[in-house]
Protein backbone atom coordinates (compact mmCIF):
# COMPACT_ATOMS: atom_id res chain seq x y z
CA UNK A 1 4.97 0.83 -11.50
CA UNK A 2 1.21 1.02 -11.30
CA UNK A 3 -1.66 -1.24 -12.03
CA UNK A 4 -5.42 -1.28 -11.89
CA UNK A 5 -6.10 -4.43 -9.95
CA UNK A 6 -9.40 -5.90 -8.75
CA UNK A 7 -10.30 -6.91 -5.19
CA UNK A 8 -12.25 -10.16 -5.12
CA UNK A 9 -15.78 -9.80 -3.80
CA UNK A 10 -15.31 -12.12 -0.82
CA UNK A 11 -12.30 -10.13 0.45
CA UNK A 12 -10.33 -13.37 0.62
CA UNK A 13 -6.85 -12.51 -0.54
CA UNK A 14 -5.50 -15.61 -2.19
CA UNK A 15 -3.77 -14.33 -5.31
CA UNK A 16 -1.37 -11.40 -5.54
CA UNK A 17 -3.05 -10.40 -8.81
CA UNK A 18 -6.35 -9.78 -6.99
CA UNK A 19 -4.83 -7.61 -4.25
CA UNK A 20 -5.16 -3.89 -4.86
CA UNK A 21 -2.44 -1.86 -3.18
CA UNK A 22 -2.71 1.91 -3.05
CA UNK A 23 0.00 4.19 -1.72
CA UNK A 24 -0.26 7.93 -1.22
CA UNK A 25 3.24 9.34 -1.54
CA UNK A 26 5.41 12.33 -2.42
CA UNK A 27 8.52 12.63 -4.55
CA UNK A 28 11.03 13.49 -1.85
CA UNK A 29 9.77 11.18 0.91
CA UNK A 30 12.40 8.58 1.90
CA UNK A 31 9.80 6.48 3.74
CA UNK A 32 7.69 6.37 0.57
CA UNK A 33 10.72 5.16 -1.38
CA UNK A 34 11.43 2.46 1.20
CA UNK A 35 7.79 1.31 1.24
CA UNK A 36 7.78 1.08 -2.56
CA UNK A 37 11.03 -0.90 -2.46
CA UNK A 38 9.61 -3.37 0.06
CA UNK A 39 6.48 -3.94 -2.02
CA UNK A 40 8.54 -4.33 -5.19
CA UNK A 41 10.83 -6.81 -3.39
CA UNK A 42 7.69 -8.81 -2.62
CA UNK A 43 6.75 -8.70 -6.31
CA UNK A 44 3.70 -6.55 -5.61
CA UNK A 45 2.34 -3.93 -7.92
CA UNK A 46 0.79 -0.83 -6.42
CA UNK A 47 -1.04 2.30 -7.45
CA UNK A 48 1.11 5.30 -6.57
CA UNK A 49 -1.12 8.25 -5.74
CA UNK A 50 1.22 11.23 -5.69
CA UNK A 51 -0.08 13.95 -3.39
CA UNK A 52 2.60 16.56 -4.09
CA UNK A 53 0.91 19.50 -5.74
CA UNK A 54 -2.44 17.69 -5.78
CA UNK A 55 -4.71 19.09 -3.11
CA UNK A 56 -7.62 16.83 -4.06
CA UNK A 57 -5.56 13.63 -3.66
CA UNK A 58 -4.07 14.89 -0.41
CA UNK A 59 -7.59 15.60 0.91
CA UNK A 60 -8.67 12.11 -0.20
CA UNK A 61 -5.68 10.59 1.63
CA UNK A 62 -6.41 12.53 4.81
CA UNK A 63 -10.09 11.59 4.71
CA UNK A 64 -9.39 7.89 4.16
CA UNK A 65 -6.53 7.54 6.64
CA UNK A 66 -7.20 10.29 9.19
CA UNK A 67 -3.48 11.07 8.86
CA UNK A 68 -1.52 13.82 7.14
CA UNK A 69 1.87 12.14 6.72
CA UNK A 70 3.09 10.03 3.82
CA UNK A 71 3.20 7.29 2.86
CA UNK A 72 -0.30 6.07 3.60
CA UNK A 73 -0.80 2.53 2.38
CA UNK A 74 -4.01 0.61 1.72
CA UNK A 75 -4.13 -3.10 0.89
CA UNK A 76 -7.44 -4.46 -0.40
CA UNK A 77 -9.11 -1.29 0.86
CA UNK A 78 -7.77 -1.74 4.40
CA UNK A 79 -5.68 1.09 5.81
CA UNK A 80 -2.29 -0.31 6.76
CA UNK A 81 -0.66 2.96 7.82
CA UNK A 82 2.79 4.18 6.93
CA UNK A 83 6.16 2.60 6.26
CA UNK A 84 6.77 1.58 9.88
CA UNK A 85 3.39 -0.17 9.96
CA UNK A 86 4.18 -1.96 6.69
CA UNK A 87 7.52 -3.18 8.07
CA UNK A 88 5.89 -4.35 11.29
CA UNK A 89 3.39 -6.41 9.29
CA UNK A 90 6.27 -7.87 7.31
CA UNK A 91 8.29 -8.73 10.42
CA UNK A 92 5.22 -10.38 11.98
CA UNK A 93 4.68 -12.47 8.82
CA UNK A 94 1.29 -10.86 8.18
CA UNK A 95 2.24 -8.87 5.07
CA UNK A 96 2.87 -11.94 2.91
CA UNK A 97 -0.54 -13.30 3.90
CA UNK A 98 -2.22 -10.00 3.03
CA UNK A 99 -0.47 -9.97 -0.33
CA UNK A 100 -1.40 -13.56 -1.02
CA UNK A 101 2.21 -14.73 -1.03
CA UNK A 102 2.61 -18.34 0.02
CA UNK A 103 5.05 -18.77 2.90
CA UNK A 104 6.83 -21.99 3.65
């Protein structure tokens, strides 16, 4: 699943359709698979930037995140980190807010 989504100019995330999610991943990475599953469970679309066999994308990932491991996740241009960081945001209730999902 991938999508070209637009970040609103005020950086206020109020609608899931305006939240751009980018994930740098590889084919055989179990943490990448789990991160994708969590985002899909939330109903979120993401841009999957596969870095296997793509040195330019891997270099882009390393430059943006200052990390070499995958996944590296960005929400609305903000570096979230990897799968563990994504889960921590979810457990703290912050992920839904970042994705523009109303919580009750």
